[in-house]
C-alpha atoms as a PDB file:
ATOM      1  CA  UNK A   1     -14.294  39.674  76.585  1.00  0.00           C
ATOM      2  CA  UNK A   2     -17.025  41.638  74.855  1.00  0.00           C
ATOM      3  CA  UNK A   3     -16.158  44.597  77.056  1.00  0.00           C
ATOM      4  CA  UNK A   4     -12.579  44.623  75.797  1.00  0.00           C
ATOM      5  CA  UNK A   5     -13.825  44.614  72.201  1.00  0.00           C
ATOM      6  CA  UNK A   6     -16.089  47.579  72.856  1.00  0.00           C
ATOM      7  CA  UNK A   7     -13.119  49.765  73.799  1.00  0.00           C
ATOM      8  CA  UNK A   8     -12.224  49.947  70.103  1.00  0.00           C
ATOM      9  CA  UNK A   9     -12.954  53.343  68.552  1.00  0.00           C
ATOM     10  CA  UNK A  10     -16.417  53.515  67.055  1.00  0.00           C
ATOM     11  CA  UNK A  11     -15.184  54.557  63.603  1.00  0.00           C
ATOM     12  CA  UNK A  12     -12.880  51.492  63.455  1.00  0.00           C
ATOM     13  CA  UNK A  13     -15.724  49.208  64.501  1.00  0.00           C
ATOM     14  CA  UNK A  14     -17.843  50.549  61.643  1.00  0.00           C
ATOM     15  CA  UNK A  15     -15.121  50.325  58.968  1.00  0.00           C
ATOM     16  CA  UNK A  16     -13.116  47.122  59.547  1.00  0.00           C
ATOM     17  CA  UNK A  17     -14.636  45.102  62.378  1.00  0.00           C
ATOM     18  CA  UNK A  18     -13.899  41.734  60.766  1.00  0.00           C
ATOM     19  CA  UNK A  19     -10.183  42.560  60.721  1.00  0.00           C
ATOM     20  CA  UNK A  20      -9.763  44.663  63.858  1.00  0.00           C
ATOM     21  CA  UNK A  21     -11.686  42.538  66.334  1.00  0.00           C
ATOM     22  CA  UNK A  22      -9.507  39.436  65.927  1.00  0.00           C
ATOM     23  CA  UNK A  23      -6.347  41.538  66.084  1.00  0.00           C
ATOM     24  CA  UNK A  24      -7.471  43.255  69.253  1.00  0.00           C
ATOM     25  CA  UNK A  25      -8.494  39.990  70.876  1.00  0.00           C
ATOM     26  CA  UNK A  26      -5.245  38.242  70.013  1.00  0.00           C
ATOM     27  CA  UNK A  27      -3.373  40.912  71.979  1.00  0.00           C
ATOM     28  CA  UNK A  28      -5.247  39.733  75.068  1.00  0.00           C
ATOM     29  CA  UNK A  29      -4.645  36.037  74.265  1.00  0.00           C
ATOM     30  CA  UNK A  30      -8.304  35.379  73.567  1.00  0.00           C
ATOM     31  CA  UNK A  31      -9.491  32.574  71.233  1.00  0.00           C
ATOM     32  CA  UNK A  32     -10.139  34.574  68.098  1.00  0.00           C
ATOM     33  CA  UNK A  33     -11.891  31.703  66.345  1.00  0.00           C
ATOM     34  CA  UNK A  34     -14.540  31.650  69.050  1.00  0.00           C
ATOM     35  CA  UNK A  35     -14.944  35.401  69.049  1.00  0.00           C
ATOM     36  CA  UNK A  36     -14.984  35.565  65.248  1.00  0.00           C
ATOM     37  CA  UNK A  37     -17.979  33.222  65.307  1.00  0.00           C
ATOM     38  CA  UNK A  38     -19.579  35.413  67.950  1.00  0.00           C
ATOM     39  CA  UNK A  39     -19.016  38.457  65.780  1.00  0.00           C
ATOM     40  CA  UNK A  40     -20.586  36.783  62.766  1.00  0.00           C
ATOM     41  CA  UNK A  41     -23.671  36.086  64.826  1.00  0.00           C
ATOM     42  CA  UNK A  42     -23.835  39.789  65.630  1.00  0.00           C
ATOM     43  CA  UNK A  43     -23.402  40.640  61.947  1.00  0.00           C
ATOM     44  CA  UNK A  44     -26.012  38.090  60.908  1.00  0.00           C
ATOM     45  CA  UNK A  45     -28.686  40.754  60.956  1.00  0.00           C
ATOM     46  CA  UNK A  46     -27.217  42.419  57.883  1.00  0.00           C
ATOM     47  CA  UNK A  47     -29.536  42.424  54.901  1.00  0.00           C
ATOM     48  CA  UNK A  48     -29.109  39.091  53.012  1.00  0.00           C
ATOM     49  CA  UNK A  49     -28.539  38.952  49.270  1.00  0.00           C
ATOM     50  CA  UNK A  50     -28.964  36.404  46.502  1.00  0.00           C
ATOM     51  CA  UNK A  51     -26.263  33.721  46.589  1.00  0.00           C
ATOM     52  CA  UNK A  52     -25.502  30.209  45.380  1.00  0.00           C
ATOM     53  CA  UNK A  53     -24.554  28.002  48.355  1.00  0.00           C
ATOM     54  CA  UNK A  54     -22.862  25.575  45.951  1.00  0.00           C
ATOM     55  CA  UNK A  55     -20.276  28.097  44.793  1.00  0.00           C
ATOM     56  CA  UNK A  56     -20.193  30.834  47.438  1.00  0.00           C
ATOM     57  CA  UNK A  57     -16.846  31.331  49.145  1.00  0.00           C
ATOM     58  CA  UNK A  58     -16.397  30.959  52.877  1.00  0.00           C
ATOM     59  CA  UNK A  59     -16.056  34.742  53.158  1.00  0.00           C
ATOM     60  CA  UNK A  60     -19.354  35.247  51.327  1.00  0.00           C
ATOM     61  CA  UNK A  61     -21.098  32.746  53.552  1.00  0.00           C
ATOM     62  CA  UNK A  62     -19.766  34.520  56.637  1.00  0.00           C
ATOM     63  CA  UNK A  63     -21.064  37.834  55.367  1.00  0.00           C
ATOM     64  CA  UNK A  64     -24.496  36.210  55.150  1.00  0.00           C
ATOM     65  CA  UNK A  65     -24.363  35.170  58.807  1.00  0.00           C
ATOM     66  CA  UNK A  66     -22.615  31.797  58.652  1.00  0.00           C
ATOM     67  CA  UNK A  67     -20.191  31.190  61.472  1.00  0.00           C
ATOM     68  CA  UNK A  68     -16.693  29.998  60.587  1.00  0.00           C
ATOM     69  CA  UNK A  69     -17.590  26.500  61.713  1.00  0.00           C
ATOM     70  CA  UNK A  70     -20.862  26.446  59.782  1.00  0.00           C
ATOM     71  CA  UNK A  71     -19.203  27.742  56.613  1.00  0.00           C
ATOM     72  CA  UNK A  72     -16.522  25.076  56.974  1.00  0.00           C
ATOM     73  CA  UNK A  73     -19.214  22.428  57.399  1.00  0.00           C
ATOM     74  CA  UNK A  74     -20.887  23.480  54.151  1.00  0.00           C
ATOM     75  CA  UNK A  75     -17.536  23.605  52.370  1.00  0.00           C
ATOM     76  CA  UNK A  76     -16.759  20.055  53.536  1.00  0.00           C
ATOM     77  CA  UNK A  77     -20.214  18.925  52.404  1.00  0.00           C
ATOM     78  CA  UNK A  78     -19.585  20.355  48.930  1.00  0.00           C
ATOM     79  CA  UNK A  79     -16.152  18.756  48.578  1.00  0.00           C
ATOM     80  CA  UNK A  80     -17.752  15.382  49.307  1.00  0.00           C
ATOM     81  CA  UNK A  81     -20.185  15.871  46.437  1.00  0.00           C
ATOM     82  CA  UNK A  82     -23.031  17.440  48.392  1.00  0.00           C
ATOM     83  CA  UNK A  83     -25.354  19.788  46.508  1.00  0.00           C
ATOM     84  CA  UNK A  84     -27.865  22.382  47.690  1.00  0.00           C
ATOM     85  CA  UNK A  85     -30.862  22.216  45.352  1.00  0.00           C
ATOM     86  CA  UNK A  86     -33.038  24.861  46.983  1.00  0.00           C
ATOM     87  CA  UNK A  87     -33.347  27.095  49.999  1.00  0.00           C
ATOM     88  CA  UNK A  88     -35.056  24.299  51.917  1.00  0.00           C
ATOM     89  CA  UNK A  89     -31.854  22.273  51.743  1.00  0.00           C
ATOM     90  CA  UNK A  90     -30.182  24.810  54.023  1.00  0.00           C
ATOM     91  CA  UNK A  91     -32.059  23.212  56.918  1.00  0.00           C
ATOM     92  CA  UNK A  92     -30.214  19.943  56.201  1.00  0.00           C
ATOM     93  CA  UNK A  93     -26.771  21.447  56.861  1.00  0.00           C
ATOM     94  CA  UNK A  94     -25.397  20.123  60.131  1.00  0.00           C
ATOM     95  CA  UNK A  95     -25.411  22.857  62.791  1.00  0.00           C
ATOM     96  CA  UNK A  96     -27.501  25.296  60.724  1.00  0.00           C
ATOM     97  CA  UNK A  97     -29.572  27.565  63.024  1.00  0.00           C
ATOM     98  CA  UNK A  98     -33.218  27.316  61.880  1.00  0.00           C
ATOM     99  CA  UNK A  99     -33.711  31.076  62.025  1.00  0.00           C
ATOM    100  CA  UNK A 100     -30.685  31.664  59.773  1.00  0.00           C
ATOM    101  CA  UNK A 101     -31.904  29.059  57.279  1.00  0.00           C
ATOM    102  CA  UNK A 102     -35.363  30.629  57.288  1.00  0.00           C
ATOM    103  CA  UNK A 103     -33.899  34.084  56.648  1.00  0.00           C
ATOM    104  CA  UNK A 104     -31.574  32.962  53.807  1.00  0.00           C
ATOM    105  CA  UNK A 105     -33.777  30.372  52.065  1.00  0.00           C
ATOM    106  CA  UNK A 106     -35.593  32.920  49.814  1.00  0.00           C
ATOM    107  CA  UNK A 107     -32.231  34.196  48.539  1.00  0.00           C
ATOM    108  CA  UNK A 108     -30.836  30.852  47.380  1.00  0.00           C
ATOM    109  CA  UNK A 109     -30.275  30.620  43.632  1.00  0.00           C
ATOM    110  CA  UNK A 110     -28.536  27.577  42.164  1.00  0.00           C
ATOM    111  CA  UNK A 111     -26.726  28.147  38.879  1.00  0.00           C
ATOM    112  CA  UNK A 112     -25.327  24.678  38.219  1.00  0.00           C
ATOM    113  CA  UNK A 113     -26.956  21.316  37.657  1.00  0.00           C
ATOM    114  CA  UNK A 114     -26.753  18.606  40.250  1.00  0.00           C
ATOM    115  CA  UNK A 115     -23.495  16.798  39.592  1.00  0.00           C
ATOM    116  CA  UNK A 116     -23.243  15.137  42.977  1.00  0.00           C
ATOM    117  CA  UNK A 117     -20.438  12.637  42.945  1.00  0.00           C
ATOM    118  CA  UNK A 118     -21.146   8.942  42.614  1.00  0.00           C
ATOM    119  CA  UNK A 119     -19.144   6.154  44.193  1.00  0.00           C
ATOM    120  CA  UNK A 120     -15.807   6.033  42.365  1.00  0.00           C
ATOM    121  CA  UNK A 121     -16.346   2.477  41.174  1.00  0.00           C
ATOM    122  CA  UNK A 122     -19.422   3.533  39.197  1.00  0.00           C
ATOM    123  CA  UNK A 123     -18.484   7.130  38.502  1.00  0.00           C
ATOM    124  CA  UNK A 124     -15.416   6.130  36.512  1.00  0.00           C
ATOM    125  CA  UNK A 125     -16.284   5.164  32.980  1.00  0.00           C
ATOM    126  CA  UNK A 126     -14.033   4.783  29.994  1.00  0.00           C
ATOM    127  CA  UNK A 127     -14.011   7.737  27.637  1.00  0.00           C
ATOM    128  CA  UNK A 128     -15.088   5.486  24.784  1.00  0.00           C
ATOM    129  CA  UNK A 129     -18.538   4.651  26.155  1.00  0.00           C
ATOM    130  CA  UNK A 130     -20.077   6.447  23.175  1.00  0.00           C
ATOM    131  CA  UNK A 131     -18.327   4.163  20.661  1.00  0.00           C
ATOM    132  CA  UNK A 132     -20.506   2.062  18.385  1.00  0.00           C
ATOM    133  CA  UNK A 133     -19.977  -1.712  18.675  1.00  0.00           C
ATOM    134  CA  UNK A 134     -18.248  -3.168  15.627  1.00  0.00           C
ATOM    135  CA  UNK A 135     -17.847  -6.631  14.132  1.00  0.00           C
ATOM    136  CA  UNK A 136     -14.128  -7.343  14.213  1.00  0.00           C
ATOM    137  CA  UNK A 137     -14.336  -9.417  11.042  1.00  0.00           C
ATOM    138  CA  UNK A 138     -15.909  -6.686   8.935  1.00  0.00           C
ATOM    139  CA  UNK A 139     -14.828  -3.416  10.602  1.00  0.00           C
ATOM    140  CA  UNK A 140     -12.633  -1.044   8.639  1.00  0.00           C
ATOM    141  CA  UNK A 141      -9.414   0.556   9.827  1.00  0.00           C
ATOM    142  CA  UNK A 142     -11.346   3.763  10.519  1.00  0.00           C
ATOM    143  CA  UNK A 143     -13.919   1.939  12.673  1.00  0.00           C
ATOM    144  CA  UNK A 144     -11.183   0.335  14.781  1.00  0.00           C
ATOM    145  CA  UNK A 145      -9.410   3.678  15.085  1.00  0.00           C
ATOM    146  CA  UNK A 146     -12.603   5.252  16.467  1.00  0.00           C
ATOM    147  CA  UNK A 147     -12.243   3.092  19.587  1.00  0.00           C
ATOM    148  CA  UNK A 148     -10.379   4.617  22.513  1.00  0.00           C
ATOM    149  CA  UNK A 149      -6.933   3.066  22.849  1.00  0.00           C
ATOM    150  CA  UNK A 150      -6.569   2.057  19.198  1.00  0.00           C
ATOM    151  CA  UNK A 151      -4.592   4.481  17.058  1.00  0.00           C
ATOM    152  CA  UNK A 152      -4.168   4.387  13.274  1.00  0.00           C
ATOM    153  CA  UNK A 153      -1.111   2.115  13.405  1.00  0.00           C
ATOM    154  CA  UNK A 154      -2.717  -0.501  15.637  1.00  0.00           C
ATOM    155  CA  UNK A 155      -5.990  -0.316  13.698  1.00  0.00           C
ATOM    156  CA  UNK A 156      -4.157  -1.055  10.440  1.00  0.00           C
ATOM    157  CA  UNK A 157      -2.234  -3.858  12.125  1.00  0.00           C
ATOM    158  CA  UNK A 158      -5.458  -5.507  13.335  1.00  0.00           C
ATOM    159  CA  UNK A 159      -7.068  -5.407   9.901  1.00  0.00           C
ATOM    160  CA  UNK A 160      -3.872  -6.645   8.246  1.00  0.00           C
ATOM    161  CA  UNK A 161      -3.611  -9.571  10.661  1.00  0.00           C
ATOM    162  CA  UNK A 162      -7.277 -10.404  10.103  1.00  0.00           C
ATOM    163  CA  UNK A 163      -6.859 -10.505   6.348  1.00  0.00           C
ATOM    164  CA  UNK A 164      -3.707 -12.587   6.565  1.00  0.00           C
ATOM    165  CA  UNK A 165      -5.275 -15.096   8.945  1.00  0.00           C
ATOM    166  CA  UNK A 166      -8.552 -15.254   7.074  1.00  0.00           C
ATOM    167  CA  UNK A 167     -10.623 -13.676   9.821  1.00  0.00           C
ATOM    168  CA  UNK A 168     -11.085 -13.998  13.577  1.00  0.00           C
ATOM    169  CA  UNK A 169     -12.915 -16.957  15.063  1.00  0.00           C
ATOM    170  CA  UNK A 170     -13.616 -15.377  18.451  1.00  0.00           C
ATOM    171  CA  UNK A 171     -13.174 -11.925  19.971  1.00  0.00           C
ATOM    172  CA  UNK A 172     -10.237 -13.109  22.103  1.00  0.00           C
ATOM    173  CA  UNK A 173      -8.291 -13.849  18.898  1.00  0.00           C
ATOM    174  CA  UNK A 174      -7.569 -10.137  18.647  1.00  0.00           C
ATOM    175  CA  UNK A 175      -4.996 -10.661  21.395  1.00  0.00           C
ATOM    176  CA  UNK A 176      -2.838 -12.374  18.768  1.00  0.00           C
ATOM    177  CA  UNK A 177      -2.260  -8.973  17.186  1.00  0.00           C
ATOM    178  CA  UNK A 178       0.953  -7.355  18.361  1.00  0.00           C
ATOM    179  CA  UNK A 179       0.173  -4.343  20.540  1.00  0.00           C
ATOM    180  CA  UNK A 180      -3.214  -5.538  21.833  1.00  0.00           C
ATOM    181  CA  UNK A 181      -2.899  -6.164  25.567  1.00  0.00           C
ATOM    182  CA  UNK A 182      -5.280  -7.891  27.947  1.00  0.00           C
ATOM    183  CA  UNK A 183      -6.193  -4.569  29.578  1.00  0.00           C
ATOM    184  CA  UNK A 184      -7.091  -3.014  26.229  1.00  0.00           C
ATOM    185  CA  UNK A 185      -9.199  -5.994  25.182  1.00  0.00           C
ATOM    186  CA  UNK A 186     -10.992  -5.963  28.521  1.00  0.00           C
ATOM    187  CA  UNK A 187     -11.820  -2.276  28.118  1.00  0.00           C
ATOM    188  CA  UNK A 188     -12.986  -2.719  24.528  1.00  0.00           C
ATOM    189  CA  UNK A 189     -14.915  -5.973  24.918  1.00  0.00           C
ATOM    190  CA  UNK A 190     -18.327  -4.206  25.215  1.00  0.00           C
ATOM    191  CA  UNK A 191     -17.682  -2.616  21.816  1.00  0.00           C
ATOM    192  CA  UNK A 192     -16.381  -5.646  19.923  1.00  0.00           C
ATOM    193  CA  UNK A 193     -18.731  -8.103  18.249  1.00  0.00           C
ATOM    194  CA  UNK A 194     -18.230 -11.259  16.223  1.00  0.00           C
ATOM    195  CA  UNK A 195     -20.969 -12.905  14.180  1.00  0.00           C
ATOM    196  CA  UNK A 196     -20.017 -16.579  14.172  1.00  0.00           C
ATOM    197  CA  UNK A 197     -22.116 -17.151  11.096  1.00  0.00           C
ATOM    198  CA  UNK A 198     -20.169 -14.530   9.183  1.00  0.00           C
ATOM    199  CA  UNK A 199     -16.630 -15.663   9.997  1.00  0.00           C
ATOM    200  CA  UNK A 200     -14.902 -15.706   6.587  1.00  0.00           C
ATOM    201  CA  UNK A 201     -13.690 -19.094   5.421  1.00  0.00           C
ATOM    202  CA  UNK A 202     -10.152 -19.722   4.180  1.00  0.00           C
ATOM    203  CA  UNK A 203      -8.901 -22.011   1.455  1.00  0.00           C
ATOM    204  CA  UNK A 204      -7.576 -25.149   3.118  1.00  0.00           C
ATOM    205  CA  UNK A 205      -5.183 -25.740   0.226  1.00  0.00           C
ATOM    206  CA  UNK A 206      -3.532 -22.372   0.855  1.00  0.00           C
ATOM    207  CA  UNK A 207      -3.636 -22.309   4.647  1.00  0.00           C
ATOM    208  CA  UNK A 208      -0.342 -22.107   6.516  1.00  0.00           C
ATOM    209  CA  UNK A 209       0.539 -24.016   9.668  1.00  0.00           C
ATOM    210  CA  UNK A 210      -0.032 -20.839  11.681  1.00  0.00           C
ATOM    211  CA  UNK A 211      -3.485 -20.343  10.170  1.00  0.00           C
ATOM    212  CA  UNK A 212      -4.492 -23.896  10.948  1.00  0.00           C
ATOM    213  CA  UNK A 213      -3.314 -23.497  14.528  1.00  0.00           C
ATOM    214  CA  UNK A 214      -4.765 -20.063  15.215  1.00  0.00           C
ATOM    215  CA  UNK A 215      -7.984 -20.315  13.247  1.00  0.00           C
ATOM    216  CA  UNK A 216      -9.006 -23.952  13.679  1.00  0.00           C
ATOM    217  CA  UNK A 217      -7.227 -24.558  16.981  1.00  0.00           C
ATOM    218  CA  UNK A 218      -5.232 -27.525  15.672  1.00  0.00           C
ATOM    219  CA  UNK A 219      -2.181 -28.797  17.473  1.00  0.00           C
ATOM    220  CA  UNK A 220       1.044 -27.707  15.808  1.00  0.00           C
ATOM    221  CA  UNK A 221       2.100 -31.253  14.902  1.00  0.00           C
ATOM    222  CA  UNK A 222      -1.272 -31.941  13.268  1.00  0.00           C
ATOM    223  CA  UNK A 223      -1.166 -28.682  11.310  1.00  0.00           C
ATOM    224  CA  UNK A 224       2.368 -29.464  10.138  1.00  0.00           C
ATOM    225  CA  UNK A 225       1.285 -32.942   9.018  1.00  0.00           C
ATOM    226  CA  UNK A 226      -1.583 -31.516   6.967  1.00  0.00           C
ATOM    227  CA  UNK A 227       0.611 -28.955   5.214  1.00  0.00           C
ATOM    228  CA  UNK A 228       3.327 -31.553   4.603  1.00  0.00           C
ATOM    229  CA  UNK A 229       0.841 -34.011   3.097  1.00  0.00           C
ATOM    230  CA  UNK A 230      -0.531 -31.293   0.836  1.00  0.00           C
ATOM    231  CA  UNK A 231       2.970 -30.386  -0.368  1.00  0.00           C
ATOM    232  CA  UNK A 232       3.799 -34.025  -1.135  1.00  0.00           C
ATOM    233  CA  UNK A 233       0.481 -35.195  -2.576  1.00  0.00           C
ATOM    234  CA  UNK A 234      -1.100 -32.085  -3.985  1.00  0.00           C
ATOM    235  CA  UNK A 235      -4.233 -30.200  -3.050  1.00  0.00           C
ATOM    236  CA  UNK A 236      -7.002 -31.758  -1.029  1.00  0.00           C
ATOM    237  CA  UNK A 237     -10.117 -32.597  -3.009  1.00  0.00           C
ATOM    238  CA  UNK A 238     -12.502 -33.365  -0.135  1.00  0.00           C
ATOM    239  CA  UNK A 239     -12.478 -33.078   3.636  1.00  0.00           C
ATOM    240  CA  UNK A 240     -12.809 -36.840   3.843  1.00  0.00           C
ATOM    241  CA  UNK A 241      -9.111 -37.073   3.033  1.00  0.00           C
ATOM    242  CA  UNK A 242      -8.376 -35.605   6.455  1.00  0.00           C
ATOM    243  CA  UNK A 243     -10.231 -38.288   8.397  1.00  0.00           C
ATOM    244  CA  UNK A 244      -7.183 -40.540   8.752  1.00  0.00           C
ATOM    245  CA  UNK A 245      -4.805 -37.886  10.133  1.00  0.00           C
ATOM    246  CA  UNK A 246      -3.565 -38.947  13.550  1.00  0.00           C
ATOM    247  CA  UNK A 247      -4.403 -36.508  16.315  1.00  0.00           C
ATOM    248  CA  UNK A 248      -7.229 -34.821  14.384  1.00  0.00           C
ATOM    249  CA  UNK A 249     -10.220 -34.941  16.746  1.00  0.00           C
ATOM    250  CA  UNK A 250     -13.864 -34.743  15.761  1.00  0.00           C
ATOM    251  CA  UNK A 251     -14.038 -31.193  17.164  1.00  0.00           C
ATOM    252  CA  UNK A 252     -11.009 -30.134  15.103  1.00  0.00           C
ATOM    253  CA  UNK A 253     -12.506 -31.722  12.014  1.00  0.00           C
ATOM    254  CA  UNK A 254     -15.738 -29.808  12.589  1.00  0.00           C
ATOM    255  CA  UNK A 255     -13.752 -26.576  12.969  1.00  0.00           C
ATOM    256  CA  UNK A 256     -11.964 -27.230   9.674  1.00  0.00           C
ATOM    257  CA  UNK A 257     -15.243 -27.810   7.835  1.00  0.00           C
ATOM    258  CA  UNK A 258     -16.764 -24.654   9.369  1.00  0.00           C
ATOM    259  CA  UNK A 259     -13.831 -22.305   8.867  1.00  0.00           C
ATOM    260  CA  UNK A 260     -12.197 -23.571   5.659  1.00  0.00           C
ATOM    261  CA  UNK A 261     -13.237 -24.501   2.156  1.00  0.00           C
ATOM    262  CA  UNK A 262     -11.515 -26.635  -0.448  1.00  0.00           C
ATOM    263  CA  UNK A 263     -10.824 -25.248  -3.909  1.00  0.00           C
END
């Protein structure tokens, strides 16, 4: 096969061997991939030059003495997140001839930092990882808006709901706001805080049925009974007046004392 290649005119061999040799071989039905690798080995004695194995094209690698297969191996290694830190790493490339690695190692220059890929489960992080955690009972509209996934409209809606309801009791209460989905809350949970000791109290004598249900966790029928009694008998003076309400458990009573005041 080599003999058939040598019949090419000398001036063509010197000018375009990388193009003419495969063309000539294909006319004889010879495996050009094999012979192209053989030719690269012949050309491997060309003077090497400075290169970055992390960004060099396949053609550049071949001009340095890489065979087609070896260049493809390095390309595959890079696409999988592999990174060549120094010339010594050339020896780690599968199929790399030691003499070629020795010859090219002094010419390796890396121009990018190691950004080798991580497993996708840990590499993927929400874009809002730099957000500062906020207390949902004291945060302003602007602080909510700074969180990824919460625009100005939703931020204003959250604050408005909070003020109307007299504050959140737990972080999950934010799901009661229209537009806040489970997926959004799950993504934002690391950045949402709630200081139980700072949950604002509401006036029991002004609380609506909805407030009593959502804030204190009362059953609807119990909340309705409390509001109805207040409308018929006037404002509550002490919490002791609630003791005789049917269906009002000790836990609910404790929640009322903790989250409401009487005025």
